[in-house]
PDB file of N, CA and C in Angstrom:
ATOM      1  N   UNK A   1       0.839  -1.181   0.000  1.00  0.00           N
ATOM      2  CA  UNK A   1       0.000   0.000   0.000  1.00  0.00           C
ATOM      3  C   UNK A   1       0.889   1.252   0.000  1.00  0.00           C
ATOM      4  N   UNK A   2       0.660   2.127  -0.972  1.00  0.00           N
ATOM      5  CA  UNK A   2       1.432   3.362  -1.051  1.00  0.00           C
ATOM      6  C   UNK A   2       0.998   4.309   0.054  1.00  0.00           C
ATOM      7  N   UNK A   3       1.957   4.941   0.674  1.00  0.00           N
ATOM      8  CA  UNK A   3       1.682   5.958   1.692  1.00  0.00           C
ATOM      9  C   UNK A   3       1.917   7.339   1.089  1.00  0.00           C
ATOM     10  N   UNK A   4       1.039   8.274   1.425  1.00  0.00           N
ATOM     11  CA  UNK A   4       1.144   9.647   0.938  1.00  0.00           C
ATOM     12  C   UNK A   4       1.276  10.582   2.128  1.00  0.00           C
ATOM     13  N   UNK A   5       2.265  11.451   2.085  1.00  0.00           N
ATOM     14  CA  UNK A   5       2.499  12.407   3.161  1.00  0.00           C
ATOM     15  C   UNK A   5       2.413  13.812   2.595  1.00  0.00           C
ATOM     16  N   UNK A   6       1.477  14.572   3.125  1.00  0.00           N
ATOM     17  CA  UNK A   6       1.229  15.918   2.628  1.00  0.00           C
ATOM     18  C   UNK A   6       1.901  16.962   3.512  1.00  0.00           C
ATOM     19  N   UNK A   7       2.163  18.116   2.914  1.00  0.00           N
ATOM     20  CA  UNK A   7       2.613  19.276   3.672  1.00  0.00           C
ATOM     21  C   UNK A   7       2.117  20.530   2.975  1.00  0.00           C
ATOM     22  N   UNK A   8       2.087  21.609   3.711  1.00  0.00           N
ATOM     23  CA  UNK A   8       1.578  22.859   3.178  1.00  0.00           C
ATOM     24  C   UNK A   8       0.197  23.130   3.737  1.00  0.00           C
ATOM     25  N   UNK A   9      -0.499  24.036   3.121  1.00  0.00           N
ATOM     26  CA  UNK A   9      -1.805  24.416   3.619  1.00  0.00           C
ATOM     27  C   UNK A   9      -1.692  25.496   4.676  1.00  0.00           C
ATOM     28  N   UNK A  10      -2.848  25.973   5.148  1.00  0.00           N
ATOM     29  CA  UNK A  10      -2.872  26.996   6.174  1.00  0.00           C
ATOM     30  C   UNK A  10      -3.869  28.082   5.862  1.00  0.00           C
ATOM     31  N   UNK A  11      -3.659  29.220   6.499  1.00  0.00           N
ATOM     32  CA  UNK A  11      -4.547  30.373   6.344  1.00  0.00           C
ATOM     33  C   UNK A  11      -3.868  31.428   5.486  1.00  0.00           C
ATOM     34  N   UNK A  12      -4.605  31.942   4.521  1.00  0.00           N
ATOM     35  CA  UNK A  12      -4.066  32.957   3.630  1.00  0.00           C
ATOM     36  C   UNK A  12      -5.168  33.942   3.286  1.00  0.00           C
ATOM     37  N   UNK A  13      -4.782  35.160   3.013  1.00  0.00           N
ATOM     38  CA  UNK A  13      -5.758  36.175   2.616  1.00  0.00           C
ATOM     39  C   UNK A  13      -6.142  36.009   1.144  1.00  0.00           C
ATOM     40  N   UNK A  14      -7.311  36.479   0.769  1.00  0.00           N
ATOM     41  CA  UNK A  14      -7.696  36.444  -0.652  1.00  0.00           C
ATOM     42  C   UNK A  14      -6.636  37.111  -1.519  1.00  0.00           C
ATOM     43  N   UNK A  15      -6.345  36.465  -2.637  1.00  0.00           N
ATOM     44  CA  UNK A  15      -5.299  36.953  -3.518  1.00  0.00           C
ATOM     45  C   UNK A  15      -3.930  36.396  -3.199  1.00  0.00           C
ATOM     46  N   UNK A  16      -3.814  35.724  -2.100  1.00  0.00           N
ATOM     47  CA  UNK A  16      -2.540  35.162  -1.689  1.00  0.00           C
ATOM     48  C   UNK A  16      -2.228  33.831  -2.354  1.00  0.00           C
ATOM     49  N   UNK A  17      -1.107  33.242  -1.951  1.00  0.00           N
ATOM     50  CA  UNK A  17      -0.634  31.996  -2.545  1.00  0.00           C
ATOM     51  C   UNK A  17      -0.262  30.986  -1.468  1.00  0.00           C
ATOM     52  N   UNK A  18      -0.408  29.730  -1.837  1.00  0.00           N
ATOM     53  CA  UNK A  18       0.035  28.623  -1.004  1.00  0.00           C
ATOM     54  C   UNK A  18       0.572  27.526  -1.902  1.00  0.00           C
ATOM     55  N   UNK A  19       1.424  26.688  -1.328  1.00  0.00           N
ATOM     56  CA  UNK A  19       1.962  25.558  -2.067  1.00  0.00           C
ATOM     57  C   UNK A  19       1.786  24.296  -1.245  1.00  0.00           C
ATOM     58  N   UNK A  20       1.159  23.303  -1.862  1.00  0.00           N
ATOM     59  CA  UNK A  20       0.980  22.010  -1.226  1.00  0.00           C
ATOM     60  C   UNK A  20       1.967  21.014  -1.822  1.00  0.00           C
ATOM     61  N   UNK A  21       2.444  20.099  -0.983  1.00  0.00           N
ATOM     62  CA  UNK A  21       3.329  19.037  -1.440  1.00  0.00           C
ATOM     63  C   UNK A  21       2.801  17.700  -0.968  1.00  0.00           C
ATOM     64  N   UNK A  22       3.073  16.674  -1.737  1.00  0.00           N
ATOM     65  CA  UNK A  22       2.650  15.323  -1.367  1.00  0.00           C
ATOM     66  C   UNK A  22       3.722  14.351  -1.838  1.00  0.00           C
ATOM     67  N   UNK A  23       4.295  13.628  -0.891  1.00  0.00           N
ATOM     68  CA  UNK A  23       5.330  12.657  -1.201  1.00  0.00           C
ATOM     69  C   UNK A  23       4.774  11.247  -1.086  1.00  0.00           C
ATOM     70  N   UNK A  24       5.003  10.455  -2.115  1.00  0.00           N
ATOM     71  CA  UNK A  24       4.546   9.066  -2.120  1.00  0.00           C
ATOM     72  C   UNK A  24       5.688   8.130  -1.758  1.00  0.00           C
ATOM     73  N   UNK A  25       5.338   7.006  -1.141  1.00  0.00           N
ATOM     74  CA  UNK A  25       6.362   6.047  -0.710  1.00  0.00           C
ATOM     75  C   UNK A  25       6.867   5.189  -1.858  1.00  0.00           C
ATOM     76  N   UNK A  26       6.205   5.311  -3.035  1.00  0.00           N
ATOM     77  CA  UNK A  26       6.637   4.557  -4.190  1.00  0.00           C
ATOM     78  C   UNK A  26       6.248   5.275  -5.460  1.00  0.00           C
ATOM     79  N   UNK A  27       6.599   4.678  -6.584  1.00  0.00           N
ATOM     80  CA  UNK A  27       6.306   5.284  -7.878  1.00  0.00           C
ATOM     81  C   UNK A  27       4.821   5.104  -8.217  1.00  0.00           C
ATOM     82  N   UNK A  28       4.181   6.183  -8.629  1.00  0.00           N
ATOM     83  CA  UNK A  28       2.748   6.173  -8.923  1.00  0.00           C
ATOM     84  C   UNK A  28       2.512   6.789 -10.287  1.00  0.00           C
ATOM     85  N   UNK A  29       1.615   6.190 -11.058  1.00  0.00           N
ATOM     86  CA  UNK A  29       1.354   6.713 -12.400  1.00  0.00           C
ATOM     87  C   UNK A  29       0.698   8.090 -12.354  1.00  0.00           C
ATOM     88  N   UNK A  30      -0.379   8.202 -11.593  1.00  0.00           N
ATOM     89  CA  UNK A  30      -1.110   9.460 -11.529  1.00  0.00           C
ATOM     90  C   UNK A  30      -1.180   9.968 -10.093  1.00  0.00           C
ATOM     91  N   UNK A  31      -0.975  11.251  -9.933  1.00  0.00           N
ATOM     92  CA  UNK A  31      -1.087  11.882  -8.620  1.00  0.00           C
ATOM     93  C   UNK A  31      -1.829  13.203  -8.778  1.00  0.00           C
ATOM     94  N   UNK A  32      -2.405  13.663  -7.701  1.00  0.00           N
ATOM     95  CA  UNK A  32      -3.103  14.920  -7.788  1.00  0.00           C
ATOM     96  C   UNK A  32      -3.772  15.281  -6.479  1.00  0.00           C
ATOM     97  N   UNK A  33      -4.738  16.186  -6.552  1.00  0.00           N
ATOM     98  CA  UNK A  33      -5.394  16.726  -5.371  1.00  0.00           C
ATOM     99  C   UNK A  33      -6.905  16.779  -5.564  1.00  0.00           C
ATOM    100  N   UNK A  34      -7.608  16.347  -4.561  1.00  0.00           N
ATOM    101  CA  UNK A  34      -9.041  16.558  -4.430  1.00  0.00           C
ATOM    102  C   UNK A  34      -9.246  17.567  -3.292  1.00  0.00           C
ATOM    103  N   UNK A  35     -10.403  18.175  -3.272  1.00  0.00           N
ATOM    104  CA  UNK A  35     -10.752  19.038  -2.146  1.00  0.00           C
ATOM    105  C   UNK A  35     -12.218  18.848  -1.788  1.00  0.00           C
ATOM    106  N   UNK A  36     -12.512  19.117  -0.523  1.00  0.00           N
ATOM    107  CA  UNK A  36     -13.890  19.033  -0.053  1.00  0.00           C
ATOM    108  C   UNK A  36     -14.166  20.186   0.891  1.00  0.00           C
ATOM    109  N   UNK A  37     -15.120  21.014   0.495  1.00  0.00           N
ATOM    110  CA  UNK A  37     -15.550  22.128   1.331  1.00  0.00           C
ATOM    111  C   UNK A  37     -16.742  21.674   2.177  1.00  0.00           C
ATOM    112  N   UNK A  38     -16.989  22.346   3.287  1.00  0.00           N
ATOM    113  CA  UNK A  38     -18.123  21.962   4.143  1.00  0.00           C
ATOM    114  C   UNK A  38     -19.430  21.942   3.373  1.00  0.00           C
ATOM    115  N   UNK A  39     -20.158  20.851   3.475  1.00  0.00           N
ATOM    116  CA  UNK A  39     -21.454  20.745   2.822  1.00  0.00           C
ATOM    117  C   UNK A  39     -21.394  20.465   1.334  1.00  0.00           C
ATOM    118  N   UNK A  40     -20.202  20.249   0.802  1.00  0.00           N
ATOM    119  CA  UNK A  40     -20.068  20.006  -0.626  1.00  0.00           C
ATOM    120  C   UNK A  40     -19.411  18.657  -0.883  1.00  0.00           C
ATOM    121  N   UNK A  41     -19.573  18.182  -2.096  1.00  0.00           N
ATOM    122  CA  UNK A  41     -18.952  16.916  -2.474  1.00  0.00           C
ATOM    123  C   UNK A  41     -17.469  17.116  -2.741  1.00  0.00           C
ATOM    124  N   UNK A  42     -16.724  16.048  -2.553  1.00  0.00           N
ATOM    125  CA  UNK A  42     -15.306  16.095  -2.881  1.00  0.00           C
ATOM    126  C   UNK A  42     -15.151  16.258  -4.396  1.00  0.00           C
ATOM    127  N   UNK A  43     -14.237  17.112  -4.810  1.00  0.00           N
ATOM    128  CA  UNK A  43     -14.039  17.344  -6.232  1.00  0.00           C
ATOM    129  C   UNK A  43     -12.556  17.288  -6.589  1.00  0.00           C
ATOM    130  N   UNK A  44     -12.306  16.853  -7.811  1.00  0.00           N
ATOM    131  CA  UNK A  44     -10.936  16.826  -8.314  1.00  0.00           C
ATOM    132  C   UNK A  44     -10.482  18.247  -8.614  1.00  0.00           C
ATOM    133  N   UNK A  45      -9.332  18.619  -8.079  1.00  0.00           N
ATOM    134  CA  UNK A  45      -8.769  19.950  -8.319  1.00  0.00           C
ATOM    135  C   UNK A  45      -7.793  19.901  -9.486  1.00  0.00           C
ATOM    136  N   UNK A  46      -6.844  18.985  -9.406  1.00  0.00           N
ATOM    137  CA  UNK A  46      -5.823  18.874 -10.450  1.00  0.00           C
ATOM    138  C   UNK A  46      -5.180  17.503 -10.372  1.00  0.00           C
ATOM    139  N   UNK A  47      -4.731  17.030 -11.527  1.00  0.00           N
ATOM    140  CA  UNK A  47      -4.068  15.727 -11.590  1.00  0.00           C
ATOM    141  C   UNK A  47      -2.936  15.802 -12.596  1.00  0.00           C
ATOM    142  N   UNK A  48      -1.947  14.942 -12.401  1.00  0.00           N
ATOM    143  CA  UNK A  48      -0.813  14.898 -13.312  1.00  0.00           C
ATOM    144  C   UNK A  48      -0.326  13.459 -13.415  1.00  0.00           C
ATOM    145  N   UNK A  49      -0.003  13.050 -14.640  1.00  0.00           N
ATOM    146  CA  UNK A  49       0.539  11.709 -14.835  1.00  0.00           C
ATOM    147  C   UNK A  49       2.066  11.745 -14.780  1.00  0.00           C
ATOM    148  N   UNK A  50       2.647  10.572 -14.787  1.00  0.00           N
ATOM    149  CA  UNK A  50       4.105  10.489 -14.752  1.00  0.00           C
ATOM    150  C   UNK A  50       4.714  11.140 -15.992  1.00  0.00           C
ATOM    151  N   UNK A  51       3.969  11.113 -17.088  1.00  0.00           N
ATOM    152  CA  UNK A  51       4.458  11.701 -18.327  1.00  0.00           C
ATOM    153  C   UNK A  51       4.219  13.192 -18.435  1.00  0.00           C
ATOM    154  N   UNK A  52       3.530  13.759 -17.430  1.00  0.00           N
ATOM    155  CA  UNK A  52       3.346  15.199 -17.393  1.00  0.00           C
ATOM    156  C   UNK A  52       2.015  15.702 -17.927  1.00  0.00           C
ATOM    157  N   UNK A  53       1.116  14.795 -18.302  1.00  0.00           N
ATOM    158  CA  UNK A  53      -0.218  15.241 -18.725  1.00  0.00           C
ATOM    159  C   UNK A  53      -0.976  15.751 -17.504  1.00  0.00           C
ATOM    160  N   UNK A  54      -1.614  16.921 -17.657  1.00  0.00           N
ATOM    161  CA  UNK A  54      -2.302  17.537 -16.529  1.00  0.00           C
ATOM    162  C   UNK A  54      -3.784  17.741 -16.810  1.00  0.00           C
ATOM    163  N   UNK A  55      -4.532  17.829 -15.740  1.00  0.00           N
ATOM    164  CA  UNK A  55      -5.976  18.052 -15.826  1.00  0.00           C
ATOM    165  C   UNK A  55      -6.366  18.941 -14.657  1.00  0.00           C
ATOM    166  N   UNK A  56      -7.171  19.981 -14.917  1.00  0.00           N
ATOM    167  CA  UNK A  56      -7.562  20.923 -13.884  1.00  0.00           C
ATOM    168  C   UNK A  56      -9.080  21.089 -13.850  1.00  0.00           C
ATOM    169  N   UNK A  57      -9.594  21.356 -12.678  1.00  0.00           N
ATOM    170  CA  UNK A  57     -10.977  21.786 -12.567  1.00  0.00           C
ATOM    171  C   UNK A  57     -11.098  23.172 -13.202  1.00  0.00           C
ATOM    172  N   UNK A  58     -12.218  23.444 -13.828  1.00  0.00           N
ATOM    173  CA  UNK A  58     -12.412  24.737 -14.490  1.00  0.00           C
ATOM    174  C   UNK A  58     -12.244  25.896 -13.509  1.00  0.00           C
ATOM    175  N   UNK A  59     -12.637  25.687 -12.273  1.00  0.00           N
ATOM    176  CA  UNK A  59     -12.621  26.763 -11.288  1.00  0.00           C
ATOM    177  C   UNK A  59     -11.211  27.189 -10.883  1.00  0.00           C
ATOM    178  N   UNK A  60     -10.204  26.376 -11.188  1.00  0.00           N
ATOM    179  CA  UNK A  60      -8.841  26.716 -10.775  1.00  0.00           C
ATOM    180  C   UNK A  60      -7.900  26.957 -11.955  1.00  0.00           C
ATOM    181  N   UNK A  61      -8.385  26.758 -13.162  1.00  0.00           N
ATOM    182  CA  UNK A  61      -7.531  26.957 -14.331  1.00  0.00           C
ATOM    183  C   UNK A  61      -7.005  28.386 -14.363  1.00  0.00           C
ATOM    184  N   UNK A  62      -5.717  28.516 -14.637  1.00  0.00           N
ATOM    185  CA  UNK A  62      -5.104  29.834 -14.693  1.00  0.00           C
ATOM    186  C   UNK A  62      -4.617  30.332 -13.340  1.00  0.00           C
ATOM    187  N   UNK A  63      -5.022  29.653 -12.255  1.00  0.00           N
ATOM    188  CA  UNK A  63      -4.602  30.070 -10.911  1.00  0.00           C
ATOM    189  C   UNK A  63      -3.747  29.006 -10.219  1.00  0.00           C
ATOM    190  N   UNK A  64      -4.069  27.753 -10.452  1.00  0.00           N
ATOM    191  CA  UNK A  64      -3.338  26.656  -9.820  1.00  0.00           C
ATOM    192  C   UNK A  64      -2.455  25.967 -10.860  1.00  0.00           C
ATOM    193  N   UNK A  65      -1.306  25.501 -10.395  1.00  0.00           N
ATOM    194  CA  UNK A  65      -0.400  24.752 -11.253  1.00  0.00           C
ATOM    195  C   UNK A  65       0.059  23.497 -10.527  1.00  0.00           C
ATOM    196  N   UNK A  66      -0.128  22.369 -11.174  1.00  0.00           N
ATOM    197  CA  UNK A  66       0.329  21.108 -10.596  1.00  0.00           C
ATOM    198  C   UNK A  66       1.613  20.680 -11.297  1.00  0.00           C
ATOM    199  N   UNK A  67       2.532  20.133 -10.525  1.00  0.00           N
ATOM    200  CA  UNK A  67       3.792  19.650 -11.086  1.00  0.00           C
ATOM    201  C   UNK A  67       4.251  18.459 -10.246  1.00  0.00           C
ATOM    202  N   UNK A  68       5.230  17.746 -10.757  1.00  0.00           N
ATOM    203  CA  UNK A  68       5.718  16.606  -9.983  1.00  0.00           C
ATOM    204  C   UNK A  68       7.192  16.379 -10.239  1.00  0.00           C
ATOM    205  N   UNK A  69       7.824  15.789  -9.246  1.00  0.00           N
ATOM    206  CA  UNK A  69       9.224  15.389  -9.331  1.00  0.00           C
ATOM    207  C   UNK A  69       9.214  13.858  -9.293  1.00  0.00           C
ATOM    208  N   UNK A  70       9.351  13.248 -10.453  1.00  0.00           N
ATOM    209  CA  UNK A  70       9.249  11.793 -10.526  1.00  0.00           C
ATOM    210  C   UNK A  70      10.371  11.096  -9.748  1.00  0.00           C
ATOM    211  N   UNK A  71      11.532  11.711  -9.710  1.00  0.00           N
ATOM    212  CA  UNK A  71      12.657  11.106  -8.990  1.00  0.00           C
ATOM    213  C   UNK A  71      12.365  11.004  -7.493  1.00  0.00           C
ATOM    214  N   UNK A  72      11.559  11.936  -6.988  1.00  0.00           N
ATOM    215  CA  UNK A  72      11.226  11.959  -5.560  1.00  0.00           C
ATOM    216  C   UNK A  72       9.793  11.519  -5.290  1.00  0.00           C
ATOM    217  N   UNK A  73       9.098  11.064  -6.341  1.00  0.00           N
ATOM    218  CA  UNK A  73       7.690  10.637  -6.189  1.00  0.00           C
ATOM    219  C   UNK A  73       6.871  11.682  -5.440  1.00  0.00           C
ATOM    220  N   UNK A  74       7.062  12.923  -5.812  1.00  0.00           N
ATOM    221  CA  UNK A  74       6.411  14.034  -5.116  1.00  0.00           C
ATOM    222  C   UNK A  74       5.630  14.890  -6.099  1.00  0.00           C
ATOM    223  N   UNK A  75       4.450  15.307  -5.674  1.00  0.00           N
ATOM    224  CA  UNK A  75       3.617  16.189  -6.478  1.00  0.00           C
ATOM    225  C   UNK A  75       3.410  17.492  -5.718  1.00  0.00           C
ATOM    226  N   UNK A  76       3.338  18.581  -6.468  1.00  0.00           N
ATOM    227  CA  UNK A  76       3.180  19.905  -5.885  1.00  0.00           C
ATOM    228  C   UNK A  76       1.937  20.572  -6.479  1.00  0.00           C
ATOM    229  N   UNK A  77       1.293  21.389  -5.676  1.00  0.00           N
ATOM    230  CA  UNK A  77       0.177  22.200  -6.170  1.00  0.00           C
ATOM    231  C   UNK A  77       0.442  23.643  -5.755  1.00  0.00           C
ATOM    232  N   UNK A  78       0.799  24.456  -6.732  1.00  0.00           N
ATOM    233  CA  UNK A  78       1.003  25.879  -6.491  1.00  0.00           C
ATOM    234  C   UNK A  78      -0.327  26.582  -6.698  1.00  0.00           C
ATOM    235  N   UNK A  79      -0.808  27.234  -5.660  1.00  0.00           N
ATOM    236  CA  UNK A  79      -2.114  27.888  -5.704  1.00  0.00           C
ATOM    237  C   UNK A  79      -1.917  29.393  -5.583  1.00  0.00           C
ATOM    238  N   UNK A  80      -2.251  30.107  -6.637  1.00  0.00           N
ATOM    239  CA  UNK A  80      -2.121  31.565  -6.662  1.00  0.00           C
ATOM    240  C   UNK A  80      -3.490  32.218  -6.759  1.00  0.00           C
ATOM    241  N   UNK A  81      -3.535  33.488  -6.417  1.00  0.00           N
ATOM    242  CA  UNK A  81      -4.771  34.255  -6.478  1.00  0.00           C
ATOM    243  C   UNK A  81      -5.918  33.500  -5.799  1.00  0.00           C
ATOM    244  N   UNK A  82      -5.665  33.063  -4.602  1.00  0.00           N
ATOM    245  CA  UNK A  82      -6.649  32.256  -3.893  1.00  0.00           C
ATOM    246  C   UNK A  82      -7.897  33.060  -3.554  1.00  0.00           C
ATOM    247  N   UNK A  83      -9.028  32.381  -3.590  1.00  0.00           N
ATOM    248  CA  UNK A  83     -10.316  32.997  -3.329  1.00  0.00           C
ATOM    249  C   UNK A  83     -10.971  32.304  -2.131  1.00  0.00           C
ATOM    250  N   UNK A  84     -11.881  32.984  -1.458  1.00  0.00           N
ATOM    251  CA  UNK A  84     -12.563  32.352  -0.321  1.00  0.00           C
ATOM    252  C   UNK A  84     -13.219  31.023  -0.690  1.00  0.00           C
ATOM    253  N   UNK A  85     -13.697  30.899  -1.914  1.00  0.00           N
ATOM    254  CA  UNK A  85     -14.333  29.651  -2.334  1.00  0.00           C
ATOM    255  C   UNK A  85     -13.343  28.509  -2.524  1.00  0.00           C
ATOM    256  N   UNK A  86     -12.058  28.794  -2.428  1.00  0.00           N
ATOM    257  CA  UNK A  86     -11.051  27.724  -2.461  1.00  0.00           C
ATOM    258  C   UNK A  86     -10.876  27.076  -1.084  1.00  0.00           C
ATOM    259  N   UNK A  87     -11.500  27.640  -0.084  1.00  0.00           N
ATOM    260  CA  UNK A  87     -11.401  27.080   1.265  1.00  0.00           C
ATOM    261  C   UNK A  87     -11.962  25.663   1.293  1.00  0.00           C
ATOM    262  N   UNK A  88     -11.141  24.729   1.752  1.00  0.00           N
ATOM    263  CA  UNK A  88     -11.534  23.320   1.763  1.00  0.00           C
ATOM    264  C   UNK A  88     -10.416  22.501   2.403  1.00  0.00           C
ATOM    265  N   UNK A  89     -10.710  21.242   2.635  1.00  0.00           N
ATOM    266  CA  UNK A  89      -9.672  20.280   2.984  1.00  0.00           C
ATOM    267  C   UNK A  89      -9.157  19.685   1.678  1.00  0.00           C
ATOM    268  N   UNK A  90      -7.869  19.810   1.464  1.00  0.00           N
ATOM    269  CA  UNK A  90      -7.248  19.309   0.245  1.00  0.00           C
ATOM    270  C   UNK A  90      -6.564  17.976   0.559  1.00  0.00           C
ATOM    271  N   UNK A  91      -6.869  16.980  -0.257  1.00  0.00           N
ATOM    272  CA  UNK A  91      -6.310  15.645  -0.028  1.00  0.00           C
ATOM    273  C   UNK A  91      -5.537  15.194  -1.251  1.00  0.00           C
ATOM    274  N   UNK A  92      -4.349  14.721  -1.004  1.00  0.00           N
ATOM    275  CA  UNK A  92      -3.543  14.143  -2.072  1.00  0.00           C
ATOM    276  C   UNK A  92      -4.132  12.798  -2.473  1.00  0.00           C
ATOM    277  N   UNK A  93      -4.110  12.505  -3.764  1.00  0.00           N
ATOM    278  CA  UNK A  93      -4.654  11.255  -4.283  1.00  0.00           C
ATOM    279  C   UNK A  93      -3.666  10.637  -5.251  1.00  0.00           C
ATOM    280  N   UNK A  94      -3.645   9.324  -5.296  1.00  0.00           N
ATOM    281  CA  UNK A  94      -2.711   8.641  -6.184  1.00  0.00           C
ATOM    282  C   UNK A  94      -3.317   7.335  -6.673  1.00  0.00           C
ATOM    283  N   UNK A  95      -2.907   6.941  -7.856  1.00  0.00           N
ATOM    284  CA  UNK A  95      -3.393   5.689  -8.413  1.00  0.00           C
ATOM    285  C   UNK A  95      -3.021   5.558  -9.867  1.00  0.00           C
ATOM    286  N   UNK A  96      -3.523   4.516 -10.489  1.00  0.00           N
ATOM    287  CA  UNK A  96      -3.298   4.336 -11.932  1.00  0.00           C
ATOM    288  C   UNK A  96      -3.968   5.498 -12.663  1.00  0.00           C
ATOM    289  N   UNK A  97      -5.146   5.854 -12.208  1.00  0.00           N
ATOM    290  CA  UNK A  97      -5.864   7.022 -12.697  1.00  0.00           C
ATOM    291  C   UNK A  97      -6.626   7.605 -11.528  1.00  0.00           C
ATOM    292  N   UNK A  98      -6.796   8.894 -11.468  1.00  0.00           N
ATOM    293  CA  UNK A  98      -7.482   9.489 -10.312  1.00  0.00           C
ATOM    294  C   UNK A  98      -8.610  10.416 -10.741  1.00  0.00           C
ATOM    295  N   UNK A  99      -9.114  10.245 -11.948  1.00  0.00           N
ATOM    296  CA  UNK A  99     -10.137  11.146 -12.454  1.00  0.00           C
ATOM    297  C   UNK A  99     -11.478  10.985 -11.760  1.00  0.00           C
ATOM    298  N   UNK A 100     -11.677   9.824 -11.129  1.00  0.00           N
ATOM    299  CA  UNK A 100     -12.899   9.612 -10.357  1.00  0.00           C
ATOM    300  C   UNK A 100     -12.511   9.123  -8.964  1.00  0.00           C
ATOM    301  N   UNK A 101     -13.394   9.334  -8.019  1.00  0.00           N
ATOM    302  CA  UNK A 101     -13.123   8.897  -6.651  1.00  0.00           C
ATOM    303  C   UNK A 101     -12.863   7.394  -6.597  1.00  0.00           C
ATOM    304  N   UNK A 102     -13.623   6.658  -7.388  1.00  0.00           N
ATOM    305  CA  UNK A 102     -13.498   5.200  -7.363  1.00  0.00           C
ATOM    306  C   UNK A 102     -12.146   4.724  -7.881  1.00  0.00           C
ATOM    307  N   UNK A 103     -11.491   5.546  -8.675  1.00  0.00           N
ATOM    308  CA  UNK A 103     -10.231   5.125  -9.274  1.00  0.00           C
ATOM    309  C   UNK A 103      -9.011   5.449  -8.411  1.00  0.00           C
ATOM    310  N   UNK A 104      -9.214   6.211  -7.342  1.00  0.00           N
ATOM    311  CA  UNK A 104      -8.096   6.573  -6.469  1.00  0.00           C
ATOM    312  C   UNK A 104      -7.681   5.366  -5.638  1.00  0.00           C
ATOM    313  N   UNK A 105      -6.382   5.097  -5.644  1.00  0.00           N
ATOM    314  CA  UNK A 105      -5.876   3.946  -4.910  1.00  0.00           C
ATOM    315  C   UNK A 105      -5.364   4.278  -3.524  1.00  0.00           C
ATOM    316  N   UNK A 106      -4.946   5.510  -3.332  1.00  0.00           N
ATOM    317  CA  UNK A 106      -4.412   5.902  -2.030  1.00  0.00           C
ATOM    318  C   UNK A 106      -4.716   7.369  -1.775  1.00  0.00           C
ATOM    319  N   UNK A 107      -4.931   7.688  -0.496  1.00  0.00           N
ATOM    320  CA  UNK A 107      -5.238   9.067  -0.091  1.00  0.00           C
ATOM    321  C   UNK A 107      -4.244   9.552   0.952  1.00  0.00           C
ATOM    322  N   UNK A 108      -3.982  10.865   0.886  1.00  0.00           N
ATOM    323  CA  UNK A 108      -3.233  11.495   1.954  1.00  0.00           C
ATOM    324  C   UNK A 108      -4.148  11.809   3.117  1.00  0.00           C
ATOM    325  N   UNK A 109      -3.566  12.353   4.168  1.00  0.00           N
ATOM    326  CA  UNK A 109      -4.349  12.599   5.383  1.00  0.00           C
ATOM    327  C   UNK A 109      -5.226  13.849   5.284  1.00  0.00           C
ATOM    328  N   UNK A 110      -4.977  14.696   4.301  1.00  0.00           N
ATOM    329  CA  UNK A 110      -5.764  15.912   4.135  1.00  0.00           C
ATOM    330  C   UNK A 110      -5.122  17.083   4.852  1.00  0.00           C
ATOM    331  N   UNK A 111      -5.195  18.249   4.233  1.00  0.00           N
ATOM    332  CA  UNK A 111      -4.661  19.469   4.836  1.00  0.00           C
ATOM    333  C   UNK A 111      -5.653  20.609   4.602  1.00  0.00           C
ATOM    334  N   UNK A 112      -5.854  21.422   5.621  1.00  0.00           N
ATOM    335  CA  UNK A 112      -6.829  22.495   5.537  1.00  0.00           C
ATOM    336  C   UNK A 112      -6.226  23.713   4.843  1.00  0.00           C
ATOM    337  N   UNK A 113      -6.977  24.231   3.891  1.00  0.00           N
ATOM    338  CA  UNK A 113      -6.641  25.506   3.248  1.00  0.00           C
ATOM    339  C   UNK A 113      -7.800  26.454   3.532  1.00  0.00           C
ATOM    340  N   UNK A 114      -7.499  27.573   4.167  1.00  0.00           N
ATOM    341  CA  UNK A 114      -8.514  28.564   4.496  1.00  0.00           C
ATOM    342  C   UNK A 114      -8.124  29.892   3.890  1.00  0.00           C
ATOM    343  N   UNK A 115      -9.025  30.445   3.086  1.00  0.00           N
ATOM    344  CA  UNK A 115      -8.794  31.730   2.439  1.00  0.00           C
ATOM    345  C   UNK A 115      -9.771  32.730   3.044  1.00  0.00           C
ATOM    346  N   UNK A 116      -9.221  33.649   3.811  1.00  0.00           N
ATOM    347  CA  UNK A 116     -10.083  34.581   4.535  1.00  0.00           C
ATOM    348  C   UNK A 116      -9.291  35.821   4.906  1.00  0.00           C
ATOM    349  N   UNK A 117      -9.995  36.950   4.930  1.00  0.00           N
ATOM    350  CA  UNK A 117      -9.365  38.190   5.365  1.00  0.00           C
ATOM    351  C   UNK A 117      -9.585  38.407   6.856  1.00  0.00           C
TER     352      UNK A 117
END
């Protein structure tokens, strides 16, 4: 079973930036981030394959950038121009494919991102 260890997150003002990191204990084809806000369903934020193909939720396109270091089995999510509606628990996800919840093979512990003035 692959283990995922997240870091980053916290409180930031609107318009600010945060960077999330997630390190996997082994090599994974697809990695990325889901988020869940209070009262809402978990949604895919961004995903990246080992070959560098990326996928973003429409709500974060142009503001968030996902990248990965394959040598370190680590994925990063750079979040810029954060908005209050980005407030959620962000969870790292990994698997052969992570486009749906059912396809995720491993989850991180989750990290809180709060955007508020």
